Amino acid sequence: MLTGPTLASRRSVRTTVVEVGPVRFGDGGFVLIGGPCAIESATQIDTIAAAVSAAGGAMLRGGAYKPRTSPYDFQGLGADALPLINEAAQRSGLPAVVEVLAEAQVALMAAYVDMLQIGARNMQNVPLLRAAARSGMPILVKRGAAATLDEILFAAEYILLEGNERVILCERGIRGFDPQTRNVCDLGGAIRLKELTHLPVILDPSHASGRRSMIEPLTLAAAAAGLDGAIVETHPEPDASRSDAAQAIDLPAFARLAARVRAVRAALDEGQPALEARIGAARGAGVDRAELIGDRPL
């Protein structure tokens, strides 16, 4: 009797690379996704798409159907939002990802977007997982607010069992007790997921923190930790956003973030050979501890 995820587990060094158009998750790069929590108008999503593309972002995100905690909050434009993000994505050259809420929406979504998102509220909605899987599209699965790592892996397992291996996992924060942040950003859990599964793992720093001041440091931490990307809420006027205004960054901030992500990844990629050479030289010189900071042994 099987007691844990099998198809999603890392049974070897194999790592799955998920392609979304020209974008590749899991090949060692860091995919930065930007866009609004909710699509509000054609002008809004066009402006954001152009800015994300110009900054070097790889994908466009946007909410069409918004499952809000309060039924009185803005619920999104619904199906009317789909052609708007489709057109913006085509003009900017960015693949688009949108959250799907129900089985009946899968076929409609597939006609307009490049990747389906399963939100935190629906992570264990098995009929939706199976319907999304059967579309054959790439699927981004967000961790539920109180879900264990095994539970998100089992959610992925439902998709994999349908024969769809195009699955990306997303850490978006888990429920905590301290109101200083919206959620607890479980970066350690995301790193552990990378050890447990061959699937790509990304971070949602917007939902994980709920504070725009924390989005850049959390994203840079994810890039430094070896995750496969981040999905960031971006808006031309964050304070005027109709959904989750406090956790969105503006377009210049997204451009700065993208540049700093590239700098972090370059430092890691280019710095490793130099560090290894320094360690080798230290060992050859008889230094007891070869872990170095700068030119000084620890």
C-alpha atoms as a PDB file:
ATOM      1  CA  MET A   1       0.000   0.000   0.000  1.00  0.00           C
ATOM      2  CA  LEU A   2       1.417   3.377  -1.052  1.00  0.00           C
ATOM      3  CA  THR A   3       1.651   5.909   1.764  1.00  0.00           C
ATOM      4  CA  GLY A   4       3.214   8.898   0.018  1.00  0.00           C
ATOM      5  CA  PRO A   5       3.392  10.639  -3.350  1.00  0.00           C
ATOM      6  CA  THR A   6       5.232   8.512  -5.877  1.00  0.00           C
ATOM      7  CA  LEU A   7       5.036  10.228  -9.267  1.00  0.00           C
ATOM      8  CA  ALA A   8       5.809  13.615  -7.690  1.00  0.00           C
ATOM      9  CA  SER A   9       8.662  12.369  -5.512  1.00  0.00           C
ATOM     10  CA  ARG A  10      12.310  12.812  -6.354  1.00  0.00           C
ATOM     11  CA  ARG A  11      13.324   9.222  -6.912  1.00  0.00           C
ATOM     12  CA  SER A  12      16.530  10.159  -8.702  1.00  0.00           C
ATOM     13  CA  VAL A  13      18.505  13.230  -9.709  1.00  0.00           C
ATOM     14  CA  ARG A  14      16.030  13.773 -12.542  1.00  0.00           C
ATOM     15  CA  THR A  15      14.500  17.247 -12.610  1.00  0.00           C
ATOM     16  CA  THR A  16      11.432  17.993 -14.688  1.00  0.00           C
ATOM     17  CA  VAL A  17      11.597  21.040 -16.939  1.00  0.00           C
ATOM     18  CA  VAL A  18       8.174  22.540 -17.650  1.00  0.00           C
ATOM     19  CA  GLU A  19       7.895  24.598 -20.818  1.00  0.00           C
ATOM     20  CA  VAL A  20       5.304  27.354 -21.135  1.00  0.00           C
ATOM     21  CA  GLY A  21       5.833  28.657 -24.649  1.00  0.00           C
ATOM     22  CA  PRO A  22       9.479  29.782 -24.743  1.00  0.00           C
ATOM     23  CA  VAL A  23       9.697  29.914 -20.925  1.00  0.00           C
ATOM     24  CA  ARG A  24      11.363  27.029 -19.100  1.00  0.00           C
ATOM     25  CA  PHE A  25      10.827  26.249 -15.412  1.00  0.00           C
ATOM     26  CA  GLY A  26      13.311  23.926 -13.727  1.00  0.00           C
ATOM     27  CA  ASP A  27      16.317  24.269 -16.026  1.00  0.00           C
ATOM     28  CA  GLY A  28      18.389  26.209 -13.488  1.00  0.00           C
ATOM     29  CA  GLY A  29      17.057  29.653 -14.350  1.00  0.00           C
ATOM     30  CA  PHE A  30      14.749  31.918 -12.358  1.00  0.00           C
ATOM     31  CA  VAL A  31      11.438  32.781 -14.018  1.00  0.00           C
ATOM     32  CA  LEU A  32       9.960  36.117 -12.932  1.00  0.00           C
ATOM     33  CA  ILE A  33       6.207  36.449 -13.457  1.00  0.00           C
ATOM     34  CA  GLY A  34       4.516  39.831 -13.065  1.00  0.00           C
ATOM     35  CA  GLY A  35       1.005  41.186 -13.315  1.00  0.00           C
ATOM     36  CA  PRO A  36      -2.008  42.404 -11.382  1.00  0.00           C
ATOM     37  CA  CYS A  37      -3.970  40.532  -8.770  1.00  0.00           C
ATOM     38  CA  ALA A  38      -7.078  41.390 -10.796  1.00  0.00           C
ATOM     39  CA  ILE A  39      -7.431  42.468 -14.416  1.00  0.00           C
ATOM     40  CA  GLU A  40      -9.320  45.765 -14.267  1.00  0.00           C
ATOM     41  CA  SER A  41      -9.271  47.102 -17.837  1.00  0.00           C
ATOM     42  CA  ALA A  42      -7.572  46.714 -21.213  1.00  0.00           C
ATOM     43  CA  THR A  43      -5.421  49.785 -20.540  1.00  0.00           C
ATOM     44  CA  GLN A  44      -4.299  48.463 -17.156  1.00  0.00           C
ATOM     45  CA  ILE A  45      -3.251  44.991 -18.345  1.00  0.00           C
ATOM     46  CA  ASP A  46      -1.630  46.375 -21.537  1.00  0.00           C
ATOM     47  CA  THR A  47       0.437  48.854 -19.523  1.00  0.00           C
ATOM     48  CA  ILE A  48       1.574  46.170 -17.092  1.00  0.00           C
ATOM     49  CA  ALA A  49       2.374  43.632 -19.819  1.00  0.00           C
ATOM     50  CA  ALA A  50       4.546  46.124 -21.688  1.00  0.00           C
ATOM     51  CA  ALA A  51       6.396  47.058 -18.487  1.00  0.00           C
ATOM     52  CA  VAL A  52       6.942  43.452 -17.396  1.00  0.00           C
ATOM     53  CA  SER A  53       8.306  42.570 -20.828  1.00  0.00           C
ATOM     54  CA  ALA A  54      10.569  45.640 -20.955  1.00  0.00           C
ATOM     55  CA  ALA A  55      11.970  44.796 -17.512  1.00  0.00           C
ATOM     56  CA  GLY A  56      12.877  41.274 -18.597  1.00  0.00           C
ATOM     57  CA  GLY A  57       9.993  39.478 -16.915  1.00  0.00           C
ATOM     58  CA  ALA A  58       9.203  36.133 -18.487  1.00  0.00           C
ATOM     59  CA  MET A  59       5.441  35.741 -17.977  1.00  0.00           C
ATOM     60  CA  LEU A  60       2.288  37.762 -17.374  1.00  0.00           C
ATOM     61  CA  ARG A  61      -0.162  36.975 -14.583  1.00  0.00           C
ATOM     62  CA  GLY A  62      -3.639  38.362 -13.994  1.00  0.00           C
ATOM     63  CA  GLY A  63      -6.822  37.454 -12.154  1.00  0.00           C
ATOM     64  CA  ALA A  64     -10.088  37.055 -14.064  1.00  0.00           C
ATOM     65  CA  TYR A  65     -12.258  35.331 -11.462  1.00  0.00           C
ATOM     66  CA  LYS A  66     -11.310  36.484  -7.959  1.00  0.00           C
ATOM     67  CA  PRO A  67     -12.333  34.231  -5.040  1.00  0.00           C
ATOM     68  CA  ARG A  68     -12.329  36.883  -2.310  1.00  0.00           C
ATOM     69  CA  THR A  69     -12.784  36.203   1.383  1.00  0.00           C
ATOM     70  CA  SER A  70     -15.645  38.715   1.507  1.00  0.00           C
ATOM     71  CA  PRO A  71     -18.456  38.385  -1.047  1.00  0.00           C
ATOM     72  CA  TYR A  72     -18.682  42.194  -1.044  1.00  0.00           C
ATOM     73  CA  ASP A  73     -15.165  42.687  -2.425  1.00  0.00           C
ATOM     74  CA  PHE A  74     -14.398  43.051  -6.136  1.00  0.00           C
ATOM     75  CA  GLN A  75     -14.749  39.610  -7.714  1.00  0.00           C
ATOM     76  CA  GLY A  76     -12.958  40.306 -10.998  1.00  0.00           C
ATOM     77  CA  LEU A  77     -14.248  40.841 -14.522  1.00  0.00           C
ATOM     78  CA  GLY A  78     -14.782  37.123 -15.084  1.00  0.00           C
ATOM     79  CA  ALA A  79     -14.823  35.850 -18.659  1.00  0.00           C
ATOM     80  CA  ASP A  80     -14.567  39.425 -19.978  1.00  0.00           C
ATOM     81  CA  ALA A  81     -11.009  39.591 -18.608  1.00  0.00           C
ATOM     82  CA  LEU A  82      -9.734  36.651 -20.659  1.00  0.00           C
ATOM     83  CA  PRO A  83      -9.535  38.335 -24.087  1.00  0.00           C
ATOM     84  CA  LEU A  84      -7.927  41.351 -22.406  1.00  0.00           C
ATOM     85  CA  ILE A  85      -5.016  39.371 -20.981  1.00  0.00           C
ATOM     86  CA  ASN A  86      -4.777  37.276 -24.141  1.00  0.00           C
ATOM     87  CA  GLU A  87      -4.347  40.372 -26.287  1.00  0.00           C
ATOM     88  CA  ALA A  88      -1.930  41.996 -23.847  1.00  0.00           C
ATOM     89  CA  ALA A  89       0.135  38.810 -23.711  1.00  0.00           C
ATOM     90  CA  GLN A  90       0.321  38.577 -27.481  1.00  0.00           C
ATOM     91  CA  ARG A  91       1.350  42.227 -27.849  1.00  0.00           C
ATOM     92  CA  SER A  92       4.059  41.891 -25.195  1.00  0.00           C
ATOM     93  CA  GLY A  93       5.264  38.451 -26.269  1.00  0.00           C
ATOM     94  CA  LEU A  94       4.693  37.005 -22.792  1.00  0.00           C
ATOM     95  CA  PRO A  95       2.886  33.737 -21.999  1.00  0.00           C
ATOM     96  CA  ALA A  96      -0.023  34.309 -19.589  1.00  0.00           C
ATOM     97  CA  VAL A  97      -1.202  32.486 -16.464  1.00  0.00           C
ATOM     98  CA  VAL A  98      -4.695  32.899 -14.942  1.00  0.00           C
ATOM     99  CA  GLU A  99      -6.376  31.149 -12.007  1.00  0.00           C
ATOM    100  CA  VAL A 100      -9.158  28.710 -12.839  1.00  0.00           C
ATOM    101  CA  LEU A 101     -11.865  28.224 -10.202  1.00  0.00           C
ATOM    102  CA  ALA A 102     -14.166  25.551 -11.609  1.00  0.00           C
ATOM    103  CA  GLU A 103     -14.184  22.564 -13.936  1.00  0.00           C
ATOM    104  CA  ALA A 104     -16.529  24.376 -16.291  1.00  0.00           C
ATOM    105  CA  GLN A 105     -13.977  27.151 -16.795  1.00  0.00           C
ATOM    106  CA  VAL A 106     -11.110  24.922 -17.953  1.00  0.00           C
ATOM    107  CA  ALA A 107     -11.987  24.745 -21.651  1.00  0.00           C
ATOM    108  CA  LEU A 108     -12.684  28.480 -21.821  1.00  0.00           C
ATOM    109  CA  MET A 109      -9.417  29.322 -20.084  1.00  0.00           C
ATOM    110  CA  ALA A 110      -7.460  27.014 -22.376  1.00  0.00           C
ATOM    111  CA  ALA A 111      -8.521  29.112 -25.353  1.00  0.00           C
ATOM    112  CA  TYR A 112      -7.009  32.303 -23.919  1.00  0.00           C
ATOM    113  CA  VAL A 113      -4.068  31.534 -21.610  1.00  0.00           C
ATOM    114  CA  ASP A 114      -0.851  29.528 -21.635  1.00  0.00           C
ATOM    115  CA  MET A 115      -0.890  28.126 -18.090  1.00  0.00           C
ATOM    116  CA  LEU A 116      -3.667  27.381 -15.604  1.00  0.00           C
ATOM    117  CA  GLN A 117      -3.313  28.298 -11.951  1.00  0.00           C
ATOM    118  CA  ILE A 118      -4.885  26.273  -9.153  1.00  0.00           C
ATOM    119  CA  GLY A 119      -5.220  28.681  -6.245  1.00  0.00           C
ATOM    120  CA  ALA A 120      -4.630  27.974  -2.575  1.00  0.00           C
ATOM    121  CA  ARG A 121      -8.358  27.605  -1.885  1.00  0.00           C
ATOM    122  CA  ASN A 122      -8.639  24.897  -4.550  1.00  0.00           C
ATOM    123  CA  MET A 123      -5.420  22.971  -3.951  1.00  0.00           C
ATOM    124  CA  GLN A 124      -7.424  19.953  -2.735  1.00  0.00           C
ATOM    125  CA  ASN A 125     -10.332  20.338  -5.167  1.00  0.00           C
ATOM    126  CA  VAL A 126      -9.779  16.939  -6.768  1.00  0.00           C
ATOM    127  CA  PRO A 127     -12.330  17.255  -9.620  1.00  0.00           C
ATOM    128  CA  LEU A 128     -10.761  20.582 -10.617  1.00  0.00           C
ATOM    129  CA  LEU A 129      -7.238  19.143 -10.440  1.00  0.00           C
ATOM    130  CA  ARG A 130      -8.266  16.283 -12.712  1.00  0.00           C
ATOM    131  CA  ALA A 131     -10.131  18.491 -15.171  1.00  0.00           C
ATOM    132  CA  ALA A 132      -7.199  20.895 -15.407  1.00  0.00           C
ATOM    133  CA  ALA A 133      -4.809  17.984 -15.876  1.00  0.00           C
ATOM    134  CA  ARG A 134      -6.845  16.596 -18.769  1.00  0.00           C
ATOM    135  CA  SER A 135      -6.502  19.902 -20.614  1.00  0.00           C
ATOM    136  CA  GLY A 136      -2.843  19.018 -21.146  1.00  0.00           C
ATOM    137  CA  MET A 137      -1.853  22.567 -20.235  1.00  0.00           C
ATOM    138  CA  PRO A 138       0.911  23.529 -17.801  1.00  0.00           C
ATOM    139  CA  ILE A 139      -0.522  23.895 -14.307  1.00  0.00           C
ATOM    140  CA  LEU A 140       0.707  26.077 -11.440  1.00  0.00           C
ATOM    141  CA  VAL A 141      -0.435  24.657  -8.086  1.00  0.00           C
ATOM    142  CA  LYS A 142      -0.372  26.978  -5.084  1.00  0.00           C
ATOM    143  CA  ARG A 143       0.041  25.566  -1.602  1.00  0.00           C
ATOM    144  CA  GLY A 144      -3.032  25.816   0.597  1.00  0.00           C
ATOM    145  CA  ALA A 145      -2.949  28.149   3.594  1.00  0.00           C
ATOM    146  CA  ALA A 146      -2.768  25.236   6.030  1.00  0.00           C
ATOM    147  CA  ALA A 147      -1.405  22.519   3.743  1.00  0.00           C
ATOM    148  CA  THR A 148       1.592  20.359   4.557  1.00  0.00           C
ATOM    149  CA  LEU A 149       4.282  19.687   1.989  1.00  0.00           C
ATOM    150  CA  ASP A 150       2.963  16.157   1.545  1.00  0.00           C
ATOM    151  CA  GLU A 151      -0.500  17.547   0.831  1.00  0.00           C
ATOM    152  CA  ILE A 152       0.667  19.799  -1.989  1.00  0.00           C
ATOM    153  CA  LEU A 153       2.664  16.888  -3.389  1.00  0.00           C
ATOM    154  CA  PHE A 154      -0.481  14.761  -3.335  1.00  0.00           C
ATOM    155  CA  ALA A 155      -2.313  17.555  -5.199  1.00  0.00           C
ATOM    156  CA  ALA A 156       0.389  17.360  -7.858  1.00  0.00           C
ATOM    157  CA  GLU A 157       0.039  13.585  -7.833  1.00  0.00           C
ATOM    158  CA  TYR A 158      -3.601  13.852  -8.986  1.00  0.00           C
ATOM    159  CA  ILE A 159      -2.441  15.836 -12.015  1.00  0.00           C
ATOM    160  CA  LEU A 160       0.445  13.510 -12.780  1.00  0.00           C
ATOM    161  CA  LEU A 161      -1.843  10.471 -12.571  1.00  0.00           C
ATOM    162  CA  GLU A 162      -3.848  11.958 -15.445  1.00  0.00           C
ATOM    163  CA  GLY A 163      -0.707  11.834 -17.574  1.00  0.00           C
ATOM    164  CA  ASN A 164       0.053  15.550 -17.370  1.00  0.00           C
ATOM    165  CA  GLU A 165       3.648  16.119 -16.186  1.00  0.00           C
ATOM    166  CA  ARG A 166       3.573  19.884 -16.768  1.00  0.00           C
ATOM    167  CA  VAL A 167       3.223  20.834 -13.097  1.00  0.00           C
ATOM    168  CA  ILE A 168       4.834  23.697 -11.160  1.00  0.00           C
ATOM    169  CA  LEU A 169       4.453  24.077  -7.395  1.00  0.00           C
ATOM    170  CA  CYS A 170       4.155  27.438  -5.639  1.00  0.00           C
ATOM    171  CA  GLU A 171       4.804  28.374  -2.019  1.00  0.00           C
ATOM    172  CA  ARG A 172       2.494  31.304  -1.219  1.00  0.00           C
ATOM    173  CA  GLY A 173       2.666  31.431   2.554  1.00  0.00           C
ATOM    174  CA  ILE A 174       0.890  29.448   5.237  1.00  0.00           C
ATOM    175  CA  ARG A 175      -1.475  30.621   7.955  1.00  0.00           C
ATOM    176  CA  GLY A 176       0.278  32.007  11.028  1.00  0.00           C
ATOM    177  CA  PHE A 177      -0.703  33.907  14.161  1.00  0.00           C
ATOM    178  CA  ASP A 178       1.241  37.171  13.808  1.00  0.00           C
ATOM    179  CA  PRO A 179      -0.697  39.937  11.989  1.00  0.00           C
ATOM    180  CA  GLN A 180       2.507  41.730  10.976  1.00  0.00           C
ATOM    181  CA  THR A 181       2.511  39.638   7.803  1.00  0.00           C
ATOM    182  CA  ARG A 182      -0.443  38.284   5.865  1.00  0.00           C
ATOM    183  CA  ASN A 183       0.992  34.763   5.976  1.00  0.00           C
ATOM    184  CA  VAL A 184       4.169  32.986   7.042  1.00  0.00           C
ATOM    185  CA  CYS A 185       6.556  32.763   4.097  1.00  0.00           C
ATOM    186  CA  ASP A 186       7.782  29.184   4.385  1.00  0.00           C
ATOM    187  CA  LEU A 187      10.972  29.560   2.376  1.00  0.00           C
ATOM    188  CA  GLY A 188      12.445  26.584   4.202  1.00  0.00           C
ATOM    189  CA  GLY A 189       9.430  24.535   3.143  1.00  0.00           C
ATOM    190  CA  ALA A 190       9.941  25.580  -0.474  1.00  0.00           C
ATOM    191  CA  ILE A 191      13.596  24.534  -0.302  1.00  0.00           C
ATOM    192  CA  ARG A 192      12.529  21.222   1.217  1.00  0.00           C
ATOM    193  CA  LEU A 193      10.031  20.764  -1.637  1.00  0.00           C
ATOM    194  CA  LYS A 194      12.955  21.051  -4.051  1.00  0.00           C
ATOM    195  CA  GLU A 195      14.532  18.131  -2.206  1.00  0.00           C
ATOM    196  CA  LEU A 196      11.335  16.075  -2.187  1.00  0.00           C
ATOM    197  CA  THR A 197      10.146  16.515  -5.781  1.00  0.00           C
ATOM    198  CA  HIS A 198      11.494  16.653  -9.298  1.00  0.00           C
ATOM    199  CA  LEU A 199       8.915  19.344 -10.160  1.00  0.00           C
ATOM    200  CA  PRO A 200       9.821  23.055 -10.362  1.00  0.00           C
ATOM    201  CA  VAL A 201       9.061  25.159  -7.267  1.00  0.00           C
ATOM    202  CA  ILE A 202       8.452  28.913  -7.245  1.00  0.00           C
ATOM    203  CA  LEU A 203       7.542  31.542  -4.620  1.00  0.00           C
ATOM    204  CA  ASP A 204       4.631  33.978  -4.368  1.00  0.00           C
ATOM    205  CA  PRO A 205       6.129  36.716  -2.149  1.00  0.00           C
ATOM    206  CA  SER A 206       3.042  38.921  -2.493  1.00  0.00           C
ATOM    207  CA  HIS A 207       0.631  36.563  -0.733  1.00  0.00           C
ATOM    208  CA  ALA A 208       3.349  35.206   1.528  1.00  0.00           C
ATOM    209  CA  SER A 209       3.944  38.630   3.088  1.00  0.00           C
ATOM    210  CA  GLY A 210       1.023  40.882   2.218  1.00  0.00           C
ATOM    211  CA  ARG A 211       3.448  43.832   2.294  1.00  0.00           C
ATOM    212  CA  ARG A 212       5.033  45.412  -0.767  1.00  0.00           C
ATOM    213  CA  SER A 213       8.159  46.347   1.228  1.00  0.00           C
ATOM    214  CA  MET A 214       8.916  42.652   1.669  1.00  0.00           C
ATOM    215  CA  ILE A 215       8.419  41.502  -1.916  1.00  0.00           C
ATOM    216  CA  GLU A 216      11.907  42.345  -3.158  1.00  0.00           C
ATOM    217  CA  PRO A 217      13.887  40.774  -0.279  1.00  0.00           C
ATOM    218  CA  LEU A 218      11.768  37.620  -0.340  1.00  0.00           C
ATOM    219  CA  THR A 219      12.139  37.287  -4.116  1.00  0.00           C
ATOM    220  CA  LEU A 220      15.900  37.773  -3.906  1.00  0.00           C
ATOM    221  CA  ALA A 221      16.043  35.179  -1.131  1.00  0.00           C
ATOM    222  CA  ALA A 222      14.155  32.740  -3.359  1.00  0.00           C
ATOM    223  CA  ALA A 223      16.561  33.424  -6.222  1.00  0.00           C
ATOM    224  CA  ALA A 224      19.561  32.893  -3.947  1.00  0.00           C
ATOM    225  CA  ALA A 225      18.053  29.729  -2.465  1.00  0.00           C
ATOM    226  CA  GLY A 226      17.789  28.028  -5.850  1.00  0.00           C
ATOM    227  CA  LEU A 227      14.039  28.155  -6.399  1.00  0.00           C
ATOM    228  CA  ASP A 228      12.785  28.237  -9.971  1.00  0.00           C
ATOM    229  CA  GLY A 229      10.984  31.569 -10.030  1.00  0.00           C
ATOM    230  CA  ALA A 230       8.569  33.994  -8.400  1.00  0.00           C
ATOM    231  CA  ILE A 231       5.097  35.318  -9.209  1.00  0.00           C
ATOM    232  CA  VAL A 232       4.753  38.965  -8.172  1.00  0.00           C
ATOM    233  CA  GLU A 233       1.700  41.213  -8.051  1.00  0.00           C
ATOM    234  CA  THR A 234       2.399  44.345 -10.087  1.00  0.00           C
ATOM    235  CA  HIS A 235       0.191  47.384 -10.748  1.00  0.00           C
ATOM    236  CA  PRO A 236       0.693  50.842 -12.322  1.00  0.00           C
ATOM    237  CA  GLU A 237      -0.856  52.442  -9.216  1.00  0.00           C
ATOM    238  CA  PRO A 238      -0.771  49.862  -6.418  1.00  0.00           C
ATOM    239  CA  ASP A 239      -2.716  51.957  -3.927  1.00  0.00           C
ATOM    240  CA  ALA A 240      -5.549  52.242  -6.440  1.00  0.00           C
ATOM    241  CA  SER A 241      -5.689  48.494  -7.083  1.00  0.00           C
ATOM    242  CA  ARG A 242      -9.159  47.001  -6.652  1.00  0.00           C
ATOM    243  CA  SER A 243      -7.679  43.844  -5.150  1.00  0.00           C
ATOM    244  CA  ASP A 244      -4.878  43.308  -2.585  1.00  0.00           C
ATOM    245  CA  ALA A 245      -3.432  46.802  -2.957  1.00  0.00           C
ATOM    246  CA  ALA A 246      -1.025  46.469  -0.023  1.00  0.00           C
ATOM    247  CA  GLN A 247       0.896  43.591  -1.584  1.00  0.00           C
ATOM    248  CA  ALA A 248       1.425  44.958  -5.102  1.00  0.00           C
ATOM    249  CA  ILE A 249       4.520  46.801  -6.327  1.00  0.00           C
ATOM    250  CA  ASP A 250       4.581  49.486  -9.014  1.00  0.00           C
ATOM    251  CA  LEU A 251       6.181  49.134 -12.428  1.00  0.00           C
ATOM    252  CA  PRO A 252       9.521  50.849 -11.637  1.00  0.00           C
ATOM    253  CA  ALA A 253       9.838  48.600  -8.563  1.00  0.00           C
ATOM    254  CA  PHE A 254       9.271  45.548 -10.755  1.00  0.00           C
ATOM    255  CA  ALA A 255      12.017  46.709 -13.120  1.00  0.00           C
ATOM    256  CA  ARG A 256      14.430  47.166 -10.193  1.00  0.00           C
ATOM    257  CA  LEU A 257      13.479  43.760  -8.847  1.00  0.00           C
ATOM    258  CA  ALA A 258      14.085  42.066 -12.183  1.00  0.00           C
ATOM    259  CA  ALA A 259      17.525  43.688 -12.454  1.00  0.00           C
ATOM    260  CA  ARG A 260      18.476  42.630  -8.933  1.00  0.00           C
ATOM    261  CA  VAL A 261      17.285  39.070  -9.512  1.00  0.00           C
ATOM    262  CA  ARG A 262      19.575  38.904 -12.537  1.00  0.00           C
ATOM    263  CA  ALA A 263      22.438  40.265 -10.432  1.00  0.00           C
ATOM    264  CA  VAL A 264      21.887  37.673  -7.703  1.00  0.00           C
ATOM    265  CA  ARG A 265      21.752  34.801 -10.160  1.00  0.00           C
ATOM    266  CA  ALA A 266      24.832  36.070 -12.007  1.00  0.00           C
ATOM    267  CA  ALA A 267      26.755  36.382  -8.751  1.00  0.00           C
ATOM    268  CA  LEU A 268      25.875  32.816  -7.829  1.00  0.00           C
ATOM    269  CA  ASP A 269      26.672  31.400 -11.267  1.00  0.00           C
ATOM    270  CA  GLU A 270      29.888  33.337 -11.808  1.00  0.00           C
ATOM    271  CA  GLY A 271      31.055  33.334  -8.202  1.00  0.00           C
ATOM    272  CA  GLN A 272      31.011  29.586  -7.674  1.00  0.00           C
ATOM    273  CA  PRO A 273      34.098  28.775  -9.811  1.00  0.00           C
ATOM    274  CA  ALA A 274      36.065  31.540  -8.080  1.00  0.00           C
ATOM    275  CA  LEU A 275      34.993  30.275  -4.663  1.00  0.00           C
ATOM    276  CA  GLU A 276      35.935  26.694  -5.564  1.00  0.00           C
ATOM    277  CA  ALA A 277      39.343  27.867  -6.799  1.00  0.00           C
ATOM    278  CA  ARG A 278      39.921  29.776  -3.542  1.00  0.00           C
ATOM    279  CA  ILE A 279      38.951  26.731  -1.491  1.00  0.00           C
ATOM    280  CA  GLY A 280      41.312  24.557  -3.527  1.00  0.00           C
ATOM    281  CA  ALA A 281      44.157  27.019  -3.034  1.00  0.00           C
ATOM    282  CA  ALA A 282      43.472  27.183   0.693  1.00  0.00           C
ATOM    283  CA  ARG A 283      43.571  23.424   1.005  1.00  0.00           C
ATOM    284  CA  GLY A 284      46.791  23.298  -0.963  1.00  0.00           C
ATOM    285  CA  ALA A 285      48.297  25.850   1.418  1.00  0.00           C
ATOM    286  CA  GLY A 286      47.299  23.755   4.418  1.00  0.00           C
ATOM    287  CA  VAL A 287      44.486  25.984   5.685  1.00  0.00           C
ATOM    288  CA  ASP A 288      42.458  23.942   8.180  1.00  0.00           C
ATOM    289  CA  ARG A 289      39.020  25.277   7.222  1.00  0.00           C
ATOM    290  CA  ALA A 290      38.567  26.024   3.576  1.00  0.00           C
ATOM    291  CA  GLU A 291      35.263  27.853   3.743  1.00  0.00           C
ATOM    292  CA  LEU A 292      36.147  31.434   2.949  1.00  0.00           C
ATOM    293  CA  ILE A 293      34.472  34.813   3.197  1.00  0.00           C
ATOM    294  CA  GLY A 294      36.343  37.232   0.989  1.00  0.00           C
ATOM    295  CA  ASP A 295      40.044  36.507   1.561  1.00  0.00           C
ATOM    296  CA  ARG A 296      39.655  35.409   5.204  1.00  0.00           C
ATOM    297  CA  PRO A 297      39.238  31.805   6.397  1.00  0.00           C
ATOM    298  CA  LEU A 298      36.383  31.279   8.813  1.00  0.00           C
END
